[in-house]
N, C-alpha and C. Protein backbone atom coordinates (compact mmCIF):
# COMPACT_ATOMS: atom_id res chain seq x y z
N MET A 1 -36.22 -35.88 19.51
CA MET A 1 -36.41 -35.19 20.75
C MET A 1 -35.31 -34.14 20.95
N PHE A 2 -34.08 -34.58 21.04
CA PHE A 2 -32.97 -33.65 21.13
C PHE A 2 -32.20 -33.69 19.82
N ALA A 3 -31.85 -32.52 19.34
CA ALA A 3 -31.08 -32.45 18.09
C ALA A 3 -29.73 -31.82 18.39
N PHE A 4 -28.72 -32.48 17.94
CA PHE A 4 -27.39 -31.94 18.09
C PHE A 4 -26.90 -31.46 16.73
N ALA A 5 -26.39 -30.26 16.71
CA ALA A 5 -25.85 -29.73 15.45
C ALA A 5 -24.35 -30.00 15.43
N LEU A 6 -23.95 -30.88 14.59
CA LEU A 6 -22.53 -31.19 14.45
C LEU A 6 -22.00 -30.52 13.20
N PRO A 7 -20.80 -29.99 13.27
CA PRO A 7 -20.24 -29.38 12.06
C PRO A 7 -19.91 -30.46 11.04
N ALA A 8 -20.00 -30.09 9.79
CA ALA A 8 -19.61 -31.01 8.73
C ALA A 8 -18.13 -31.34 8.89
N PRO A 9 -17.74 -32.56 8.58
CA PRO A 9 -16.36 -32.96 8.86
C PRO A 9 -15.29 -32.21 8.10
N PHE A 10 -15.61 -31.64 6.95
CA PHE A 10 -14.57 -30.99 6.15
C PHE A 10 -14.83 -29.51 5.94
N THR A 11 -15.58 -28.87 6.82
CA THR A 11 -15.80 -27.43 6.66
C THR A 11 -14.65 -26.68 7.28
N ALA A 12 -14.21 -25.69 6.58
CA ALA A 12 -13.10 -24.88 7.08
C ALA A 12 -13.61 -23.90 8.11
N ARG A 13 -12.83 -23.70 9.15
CA ARG A 13 -13.17 -22.72 10.15
C ARG A 13 -13.01 -21.33 9.53
N THR A 14 -13.99 -20.48 9.65
CA THR A 14 -13.93 -19.14 9.08
C THR A 14 -13.21 -18.22 10.04
N PRO A 15 -12.13 -17.61 9.63
CA PRO A 15 -11.44 -16.67 10.51
C PRO A 15 -12.29 -15.42 10.71
N SER A 16 -12.08 -14.79 11.84
CA SER A 16 -12.83 -13.55 12.08
C SER A 16 -12.32 -12.49 11.12
N ALA A 17 -13.22 -11.66 10.69
CA ALA A 17 -12.86 -10.63 9.72
C ALA A 17 -13.03 -9.25 10.33
N PHE A 18 -12.67 -9.11 11.62
CA PHE A 18 -12.86 -7.80 12.25
C PHE A 18 -12.05 -6.75 11.51
N ASP A 19 -12.56 -5.57 11.54
CA ASP A 19 -11.93 -4.49 10.80
C ASP A 19 -11.46 -3.43 11.78
N ILE A 20 -10.61 -2.55 11.34
CA ILE A 20 -10.08 -1.52 12.22
C ILE A 20 -10.93 -0.26 12.19
N GLY A 21 -11.99 -0.25 11.44
CA GLY A 21 -12.86 0.92 11.38
C GLY A 21 -12.52 1.79 10.20
N PRO A 22 -13.50 2.52 9.68
CA PRO A 22 -13.29 3.28 8.44
C PRO A 22 -12.27 4.41 8.56
N VAL A 23 -12.23 5.10 9.67
CA VAL A 23 -11.27 6.21 9.83
C VAL A 23 -9.85 5.66 9.92
N SER A 24 -9.66 4.64 10.77
CA SER A 24 -8.34 4.04 10.90
C SER A 24 -7.90 3.40 9.59
N ARG A 25 -8.84 2.75 8.90
CA ARG A 25 -8.55 2.11 7.62
C ARG A 25 -8.07 3.15 6.60
N ALA A 26 -8.76 4.26 6.51
CA ALA A 26 -8.37 5.32 5.57
C ALA A 26 -7.01 5.90 5.95
N LEU A 27 -6.80 6.13 7.23
CA LEU A 27 -5.53 6.69 7.70
C LEU A 27 -4.37 5.74 7.39
N VAL A 28 -4.53 4.46 7.71
CA VAL A 28 -3.47 3.48 7.46
C VAL A 28 -3.22 3.36 5.95
N THR A 29 -4.27 3.35 5.15
CA THR A 29 -4.12 3.24 3.70
C THR A 29 -3.33 4.41 3.14
N ILE A 30 -3.71 5.61 3.51
CA ILE A 30 -3.05 6.80 2.98
C ILE A 30 -1.60 6.88 3.48
N VAL A 31 -1.43 6.77 4.77
CA VAL A 31 -0.09 6.93 5.35
C VAL A 31 0.82 5.78 4.92
N GLY A 32 0.31 4.56 4.93
CA GLY A 32 1.12 3.42 4.51
C GLY A 32 1.56 3.54 3.06
N THR A 33 0.65 3.98 2.20
CA THR A 33 0.98 4.14 0.78
C THR A 33 2.00 5.26 0.58
N VAL A 34 1.76 6.41 1.19
CA VAL A 34 2.66 7.56 1.02
C VAL A 34 4.05 7.22 1.56
N MET A 35 4.12 6.63 2.75
CA MET A 35 5.43 6.32 3.33
C MET A 35 6.16 5.25 2.53
N THR A 36 5.43 4.27 2.01
CA THR A 36 6.06 3.24 1.18
C THR A 36 6.62 3.86 -0.09
N VAL A 37 5.86 4.73 -0.73
CA VAL A 37 6.32 5.40 -1.95
C VAL A 37 7.55 6.27 -1.64
N LEU A 38 7.51 7.01 -0.54
CA LEU A 38 8.66 7.83 -0.16
C LEU A 38 9.91 6.97 0.06
N CYS A 39 9.75 5.82 0.71
CA CYS A 39 10.89 4.92 0.93
C CYS A 39 11.44 4.39 -0.39
N VAL A 40 10.56 3.99 -1.28
CA VAL A 40 11.00 3.46 -2.58
C VAL A 40 11.74 4.55 -3.36
N VAL A 41 11.21 5.77 -3.36
CA VAL A 41 11.86 6.87 -4.08
C VAL A 41 13.21 7.18 -3.44
N ALA A 42 13.27 7.25 -2.10
CA ALA A 42 14.52 7.56 -1.41
C ALA A 42 15.57 6.49 -1.68
N ILE A 43 15.19 5.24 -1.59
CA ILE A 43 16.15 4.15 -1.84
C ILE A 43 16.57 4.16 -3.31
N GLY A 44 15.63 4.39 -4.19
CA GLY A 44 15.96 4.47 -5.62
C GLY A 44 16.95 5.59 -5.92
N ARG A 45 16.73 6.74 -5.29
CA ARG A 45 17.66 7.87 -5.48
C ARG A 45 19.05 7.51 -4.95
N ALA A 46 19.10 6.86 -3.78
CA ALA A 46 20.40 6.51 -3.20
C ALA A 46 21.10 5.46 -4.05
N LEU A 47 20.38 4.45 -4.49
CA LEU A 47 20.99 3.41 -5.32
C LEU A 47 21.40 3.93 -6.69
N GLY A 48 20.69 4.94 -7.17
CA GLY A 48 21.01 5.53 -8.48
C GLY A 48 22.10 6.57 -8.41
N GLY A 49 22.67 6.78 -7.23
CA GLY A 49 23.76 7.74 -7.09
C GLY A 49 23.30 9.18 -7.14
N LEU A 50 22.02 9.43 -6.86
CA LEU A 50 21.48 10.79 -6.92
C LEU A 50 21.51 11.51 -5.57
N THR A 51 22.16 10.91 -4.59
CA THR A 51 22.27 11.53 -3.27
C THR A 51 23.75 11.71 -2.94
N PRO A 52 24.04 12.57 -1.99
CA PRO A 52 25.43 12.68 -1.55
C PRO A 52 25.87 11.37 -0.89
N GLU A 53 27.15 11.23 -0.65
CA GLU A 53 27.70 10.04 0.03
C GLU A 53 26.95 9.85 1.36
N LEU A 54 26.62 8.61 1.68
CA LEU A 54 25.86 8.30 2.89
C LEU A 54 26.71 7.46 3.86
N PRO A 55 27.72 8.08 4.49
CA PRO A 55 28.59 7.30 5.37
C PRO A 55 27.87 6.74 6.59
N ARG A 56 26.73 7.35 6.97
CA ARG A 56 25.99 6.86 8.14
C ARG A 56 25.47 5.44 7.93
N LEU A 57 25.27 5.05 6.68
CA LEU A 57 24.79 3.69 6.43
C LEU A 57 25.83 2.63 6.78
N ARG A 58 27.08 3.07 6.99
CA ARG A 58 28.12 2.13 7.41
C ARG A 58 28.02 1.82 8.91
N ASN A 59 27.25 2.62 9.64
CA ASN A 59 26.99 2.37 11.05
C ASN A 59 26.06 1.15 11.14
N VAL A 60 26.48 0.13 11.87
CA VAL A 60 25.72 -1.13 11.93
C VAL A 60 24.31 -0.90 12.49
N ALA A 61 24.19 -0.10 13.53
CA ALA A 61 22.87 0.14 14.13
C ALA A 61 21.93 0.82 13.13
N ILE A 62 22.44 1.79 12.40
CA ILE A 62 21.61 2.48 11.40
C ILE A 62 21.24 1.53 10.27
N ALA A 63 22.18 0.71 9.83
CA ALA A 63 21.88 -0.25 8.77
C ALA A 63 20.81 -1.24 9.21
N ILE A 64 20.93 -1.77 10.42
CA ILE A 64 19.91 -2.70 10.94
C ILE A 64 18.57 -2.00 11.05
N HIS A 65 18.59 -0.78 11.55
CA HIS A 65 17.37 0.01 11.71
C HIS A 65 16.66 0.21 10.37
N VAL A 66 17.40 0.61 9.36
CA VAL A 66 16.81 0.87 8.04
C VAL A 66 16.31 -0.43 7.41
N VAL A 67 17.10 -1.51 7.52
CA VAL A 67 16.70 -2.79 6.93
C VAL A 67 15.44 -3.33 7.61
N ALA A 68 15.25 -3.06 8.90
CA ALA A 68 14.06 -3.54 9.61
C ALA A 68 12.83 -2.65 9.35
N VAL A 69 13.04 -1.34 9.30
CA VAL A 69 11.90 -0.44 9.22
C VAL A 69 11.30 -0.37 7.81
N ILE A 70 12.13 -0.49 6.78
CA ILE A 70 11.62 -0.37 5.40
C ILE A 70 10.52 -1.40 5.10
N PRO A 71 10.73 -2.70 5.37
CA PRO A 71 9.63 -3.63 5.10
C PRO A 71 8.49 -3.54 6.11
N ALA A 72 8.77 -2.98 7.30
CA ALA A 72 7.72 -2.89 8.32
C ALA A 72 6.61 -1.92 7.91
N ILE A 73 6.95 -0.93 7.12
CA ILE A 73 5.93 0.07 6.71
C ILE A 73 4.84 -0.57 5.85
N PRO A 74 5.16 -1.18 4.70
CA PRO A 74 4.08 -1.78 3.92
C PRO A 74 3.50 -3.04 4.57
N LEU A 75 4.33 -3.83 5.27
CA LEU A 75 3.81 -5.05 5.90
C LEU A 75 2.80 -4.70 6.99
N GLY A 76 3.11 -3.68 7.80
CA GLY A 76 2.18 -3.27 8.84
C GLY A 76 0.85 -2.81 8.27
N ALA A 77 0.91 -2.04 7.20
CA ALA A 77 -0.33 -1.58 6.55
C ALA A 77 -1.10 -2.78 6.01
N TYR A 78 -0.40 -3.71 5.39
CA TYR A 78 -1.04 -4.89 4.83
C TYR A 78 -1.75 -5.69 5.92
N VAL A 79 -1.06 -5.93 7.02
CA VAL A 79 -1.65 -6.71 8.11
C VAL A 79 -2.87 -5.99 8.69
N LEU A 80 -2.79 -4.68 8.82
CA LEU A 80 -3.92 -3.93 9.36
C LEU A 80 -5.11 -3.87 8.41
N LEU A 81 -4.86 -3.96 7.12
CA LEU A 81 -5.94 -3.75 6.14
C LEU A 81 -6.56 -5.04 5.60
N THR A 82 -5.92 -6.18 5.80
CA THR A 82 -6.44 -7.42 5.24
C THR A 82 -7.19 -8.24 6.27
N ARG A 83 -7.70 -9.38 5.84
CA ARG A 83 -8.49 -10.28 6.67
C ARG A 83 -7.72 -10.66 7.94
N LYS A 84 -8.45 -10.73 9.03
CA LYS A 84 -7.84 -11.00 10.33
C LYS A 84 -8.22 -12.38 10.86
N GLY A 85 -7.39 -12.89 11.75
CA GLY A 85 -7.71 -14.08 12.51
C GLY A 85 -7.24 -15.38 11.93
N ASP A 86 -6.83 -15.42 10.67
CA ASP A 86 -6.38 -16.68 10.09
C ASP A 86 -4.88 -16.86 10.35
N ALA A 87 -4.36 -18.00 9.94
CA ALA A 87 -2.95 -18.31 10.19
C ALA A 87 -2.02 -17.32 9.51
N ARG A 88 -2.37 -16.87 8.32
CA ARG A 88 -1.52 -15.90 7.60
C ARG A 88 -1.44 -14.59 8.37
N HIS A 89 -2.58 -14.12 8.86
CA HIS A 89 -2.60 -12.88 9.64
C HIS A 89 -1.70 -13.00 10.87
N LYS A 90 -1.82 -14.11 11.56
CA LYS A 90 -1.02 -14.29 12.77
C LYS A 90 0.47 -14.36 12.46
N GLN A 91 0.83 -15.07 11.40
CA GLN A 91 2.24 -15.20 11.03
C GLN A 91 2.82 -13.86 10.58
N LEU A 92 2.11 -13.16 9.70
CA LEU A 92 2.59 -11.86 9.23
C LEU A 92 2.62 -10.85 10.38
N GLY A 93 1.65 -10.94 11.27
CA GLY A 93 1.64 -10.05 12.44
C GLY A 93 2.85 -10.26 13.33
N LYS A 94 3.23 -11.52 13.52
CA LYS A 94 4.43 -11.82 14.32
C LYS A 94 5.68 -11.29 13.64
N ILE A 95 5.77 -11.47 12.33
CA ILE A 95 6.93 -10.95 11.59
C ILE A 95 6.97 -9.44 11.71
N TRP A 96 5.82 -8.79 11.57
CA TRP A 96 5.77 -7.33 11.67
C TRP A 96 6.20 -6.86 13.05
N LEU A 97 5.70 -7.50 14.10
CA LEU A 97 6.10 -7.09 15.45
C LEU A 97 7.59 -7.32 15.68
N LEU A 98 8.14 -8.40 15.15
CA LEU A 98 9.58 -8.62 15.27
C LEU A 98 10.37 -7.52 14.55
N LEU A 99 9.91 -7.13 13.37
CA LEU A 99 10.56 -6.02 12.66
C LEU A 99 10.46 -4.73 13.47
N MET A 100 9.31 -4.50 14.09
CA MET A 100 9.13 -3.29 14.90
C MET A 100 10.07 -3.30 16.11
N LEU A 101 10.19 -4.45 16.75
CA LEU A 101 11.09 -4.54 17.91
C LEU A 101 12.55 -4.39 17.49
N LEU A 102 12.92 -4.97 16.37
CA LEU A 102 14.28 -4.81 15.85
C LEU A 102 14.54 -3.34 15.52
N THR A 103 13.56 -2.68 14.94
CA THR A 103 13.68 -1.25 14.65
C THR A 103 13.87 -0.45 15.93
N ALA A 104 13.05 -0.74 16.95
CA ALA A 104 13.13 0.00 18.21
C ALA A 104 14.45 -0.25 18.94
N PHE A 105 14.83 -1.52 19.06
CA PHE A 105 16.06 -1.83 19.79
C PHE A 105 17.30 -1.31 19.06
N SER A 106 17.30 -1.33 17.74
CA SER A 106 18.45 -0.79 17.02
C SER A 106 18.54 0.72 17.19
N ALA A 107 17.40 1.38 17.35
CA ALA A 107 17.39 2.84 17.53
C ALA A 107 18.07 3.25 18.83
N ILE A 108 18.10 2.36 19.80
CA ILE A 108 18.77 2.67 21.07
C ILE A 108 20.26 2.98 20.84
N PHE A 109 20.83 2.37 19.82
CA PHE A 109 22.27 2.53 19.54
C PHE A 109 22.56 3.62 18.52
N ILE A 110 21.53 4.36 18.12
CA ILE A 110 21.71 5.46 17.17
C ILE A 110 21.61 6.76 17.94
N LYS A 111 22.67 7.53 17.92
CA LYS A 111 22.69 8.81 18.63
C LYS A 111 23.07 9.91 17.67
N THR A 112 22.47 11.07 17.88
CA THR A 112 22.77 12.24 17.07
C THR A 112 23.68 13.14 17.88
N GLY A 113 24.88 13.36 17.40
CA GLY A 113 25.82 14.22 18.12
C GLY A 113 26.20 13.65 19.48
N GLY A 114 26.17 12.34 19.64
CA GLY A 114 26.57 11.71 20.89
C GLY A 114 25.47 11.58 21.92
N SER A 115 24.27 12.05 21.62
CA SER A 115 23.18 11.93 22.59
C SER A 115 21.88 11.53 21.87
N TYR A 116 20.90 11.20 22.66
CA TYR A 116 19.60 10.83 22.09
C TYR A 116 18.85 12.08 21.64
N SER A 117 18.04 11.91 20.62
CA SER A 117 17.22 13.01 20.13
C SER A 117 15.78 12.80 20.61
N PRO A 118 14.93 13.82 20.48
CA PRO A 118 13.53 13.67 20.91
C PRO A 118 12.80 12.52 20.21
N ILE A 119 13.23 12.13 19.04
CA ILE A 119 12.57 11.04 18.32
C ILE A 119 12.71 9.70 19.07
N HIS A 120 13.69 9.61 19.98
CA HIS A 120 13.89 8.38 20.74
C HIS A 120 12.77 8.10 21.73
N ILE A 121 11.87 9.04 21.95
CA ILE A 121 10.72 8.79 22.82
C ILE A 121 9.86 7.65 22.26
N PHE A 122 9.96 7.44 20.95
CA PHE A 122 9.16 6.39 20.31
C PHE A 122 9.72 4.99 20.57
N VAL A 123 10.95 4.87 21.05
CA VAL A 123 11.53 3.56 21.33
C VAL A 123 10.76 2.85 22.45
N PRO A 124 10.64 3.43 23.65
CA PRO A 124 9.89 2.72 24.69
C PRO A 124 8.40 2.60 24.34
N LEU A 125 7.85 3.58 23.64
CA LEU A 125 6.45 3.48 23.22
C LEU A 125 6.23 2.27 22.30
N THR A 126 7.14 2.06 21.37
CA THR A 126 7.03 0.93 20.44
C THR A 126 7.18 -0.40 21.17
N ILE A 127 8.14 -0.50 22.05
CA ILE A 127 8.37 -1.75 22.79
C ILE A 127 7.16 -2.07 23.67
N PHE A 128 6.67 -1.08 24.40
CA PHE A 128 5.51 -1.29 25.26
C PHE A 128 4.28 -1.62 24.43
N SER A 129 4.09 -0.92 23.35
CA SER A 129 2.93 -1.15 22.50
C SER A 129 2.95 -2.53 21.85
N ALA A 130 4.12 -3.00 21.45
CA ALA A 130 4.24 -4.35 20.88
C ALA A 130 3.84 -5.39 21.93
N TRP A 131 4.31 -5.20 23.14
CA TRP A 131 3.95 -6.12 24.23
C TRP A 131 2.44 -6.08 24.48
N ARG A 132 1.86 -4.88 24.54
CA ARG A 132 0.41 -4.76 24.77
C ARG A 132 -0.40 -5.37 23.64
N SER A 133 0.09 -5.27 22.41
CA SER A 133 -0.61 -5.85 21.26
C SER A 133 -0.74 -7.36 21.42
N VAL A 134 0.33 -7.99 21.82
CA VAL A 134 0.31 -9.44 22.02
C VAL A 134 -0.55 -9.80 23.23
N ALA A 135 -0.39 -9.06 24.32
CA ALA A 135 -1.13 -9.35 25.54
C ALA A 135 -2.64 -9.24 25.33
N THR A 136 -3.08 -8.20 24.63
CA THR A 136 -4.53 -8.04 24.42
C THR A 136 -5.07 -9.15 23.52
N ALA A 137 -4.31 -9.56 22.51
CA ALA A 137 -4.76 -10.64 21.64
C ALA A 137 -4.86 -11.95 22.41
N ARG A 138 -3.87 -12.23 23.24
CA ARG A 138 -3.88 -13.48 24.02
C ARG A 138 -5.03 -13.52 25.02
N ARG A 139 -5.43 -12.37 25.53
CA ARG A 139 -6.57 -12.32 26.45
C ARG A 139 -7.90 -12.38 25.71
N GLY A 140 -7.86 -12.31 24.38
CA GLY A 140 -9.10 -12.32 23.60
C GLY A 140 -9.75 -10.96 23.48
N ASN A 141 -9.05 -9.92 23.89
CA ASN A 141 -9.58 -8.56 23.80
C ASN A 141 -9.26 -8.01 22.41
N ILE A 142 -10.08 -8.37 21.44
CA ILE A 142 -9.81 -8.02 20.05
C ILE A 142 -9.95 -6.51 19.83
N THR A 143 -10.89 -5.88 20.50
CA THR A 143 -11.04 -4.42 20.36
C THR A 143 -9.78 -3.72 20.85
N GLY A 144 -9.26 -4.13 22.00
CA GLY A 144 -8.03 -3.56 22.51
C GLY A 144 -6.84 -3.88 21.61
N HIS A 145 -6.82 -5.08 21.06
CA HIS A 145 -5.76 -5.50 20.15
C HIS A 145 -5.75 -4.61 18.91
N LYS A 146 -6.91 -4.34 18.34
CA LYS A 146 -7.02 -3.45 17.17
C LYS A 146 -6.47 -2.06 17.49
N ARG A 147 -6.96 -1.51 18.58
CA ARG A 147 -6.53 -0.16 18.98
C ARG A 147 -5.03 -0.11 19.20
N GLN A 148 -4.50 -1.12 19.87
CA GLN A 148 -3.07 -1.14 20.19
C GLN A 148 -2.22 -1.24 18.94
N LEU A 149 -2.65 -2.01 17.95
CA LEU A 149 -1.86 -2.15 16.74
C LEU A 149 -1.90 -0.90 15.87
N VAL A 150 -3.04 -0.23 15.82
CA VAL A 150 -3.09 1.05 15.10
C VAL A 150 -2.18 2.05 15.81
N PHE A 151 -2.21 2.05 17.15
CA PHE A 151 -1.33 2.92 17.94
C PHE A 151 0.14 2.59 17.66
N THR A 152 0.47 1.29 17.61
CA THR A 152 1.84 0.87 17.33
C THR A 152 2.28 1.34 15.95
N TYR A 153 1.40 1.20 14.97
CA TYR A 153 1.73 1.62 13.61
C TYR A 153 2.00 3.12 13.58
N LEU A 154 1.16 3.90 14.26
CA LEU A 154 1.33 5.35 14.26
C LEU A 154 2.55 5.79 15.03
N THR A 155 2.73 5.27 16.25
CA THR A 155 3.83 5.76 17.10
C THR A 155 5.16 5.08 16.79
N GLY A 156 5.12 3.91 16.17
CA GLY A 156 6.36 3.22 15.86
C GLY A 156 6.86 3.47 14.45
N LEU A 157 5.95 3.84 13.55
CA LEU A 157 6.35 4.03 12.15
C LEU A 157 6.00 5.41 11.60
N VAL A 158 4.77 5.82 11.76
CA VAL A 158 4.31 7.04 11.09
C VAL A 158 4.97 8.28 11.66
N PHE A 159 4.85 8.52 12.94
CA PHE A 159 5.40 9.74 13.52
C PHE A 159 6.92 9.80 13.40
N PRO A 160 7.65 8.74 13.77
CA PRO A 160 9.10 8.81 13.57
C PRO A 160 9.47 8.85 12.08
N GLY A 161 8.68 8.20 11.24
CA GLY A 161 8.94 8.23 9.80
C GLY A 161 8.78 9.62 9.22
N LEU A 162 7.75 10.32 9.66
CA LEU A 162 7.57 11.70 9.21
C LEU A 162 8.76 12.55 9.63
N ALA A 163 9.23 12.34 10.86
CA ALA A 163 10.41 13.09 11.32
C ALA A 163 11.63 12.73 10.48
N ALA A 164 11.79 11.45 10.15
CA ALA A 164 12.94 11.02 9.36
C ALA A 164 12.92 11.63 7.96
N PHE A 165 11.75 11.80 7.39
CA PHE A 165 11.64 12.38 6.05
C PHE A 165 11.67 13.90 6.05
N LEU A 166 11.13 14.53 7.10
CA LEU A 166 10.96 15.98 7.08
C LEU A 166 12.07 16.77 7.76
N LEU A 167 12.77 16.16 8.72
CA LEU A 167 13.81 16.91 9.42
C LEU A 167 15.10 16.92 8.61
N PRO A 168 15.59 18.11 8.27
CA PRO A 168 16.83 18.20 7.49
C PRO A 168 17.99 17.49 8.20
N GLY A 169 18.80 16.80 7.40
CA GLY A 169 19.96 16.11 7.93
C GLY A 169 19.70 14.67 8.30
N ARG A 170 18.44 14.27 8.50
CA ARG A 170 18.14 12.87 8.80
C ARG A 170 18.41 12.04 7.55
N LEU A 171 18.76 10.79 7.72
CA LEU A 171 19.16 9.93 6.60
C LEU A 171 18.09 9.88 5.51
N MET A 172 16.85 9.61 5.86
CA MET A 172 15.81 9.52 4.83
C MET A 172 15.56 10.87 4.16
N ASN A 173 15.72 11.96 4.88
CA ASN A 173 15.58 13.30 4.30
C ASN A 173 16.66 13.51 3.25
N VAL A 174 17.89 13.13 3.59
CA VAL A 174 19.00 13.27 2.66
C VAL A 174 18.81 12.39 1.43
N MET A 175 18.34 11.16 1.67
CA MET A 175 18.13 10.24 0.55
C MET A 175 17.01 10.71 -0.37
N LEU A 176 15.99 11.34 0.21
CA LEU A 176 14.84 11.77 -0.59
C LEU A 176 15.08 13.10 -1.28
N PHE A 177 15.67 14.04 -0.56
CA PHE A 177 15.80 15.40 -1.12
C PHE A 177 17.23 15.77 -1.53
N GLY A 178 18.19 14.90 -1.21
CA GLY A 178 19.57 15.17 -1.61
C GLY A 178 20.33 16.03 -0.67
């Protein structure tokens, strides 16, 4: 008369596999790959002695900033491009957001010529965006969570990263181009 569908006792729960969309996926793939390669080349040049002396790396805030941001670039791309909703995604996402917050908060203590530069606009954007990313996920708003994390990746890593590589005199510019 009545049939109840009970799950099998040993079936694994399937995590959601929502995607960020083809345009965002392509953008994250290209930008994440290019920025990761640029970081590897810049660090390789610096470690190989192919750059001028880098006294700024002795600044604790800059050292913390660089150590946090370098792994955040490929990890963020990985989290955005791989399967979502499982325990690994959640754990790596938390690590990535912690790296992003460490990057943002350390940037507060980095000043150019004694004052903040226009690139510092990304500090409050990153902090707010990290908070919104968590808040939307906790509310179950997965669409908003996706959008917020792509926004965080772009405003917290891509745009400031491009400035770091392209603006003469910036540490990554010096490490990459000498």
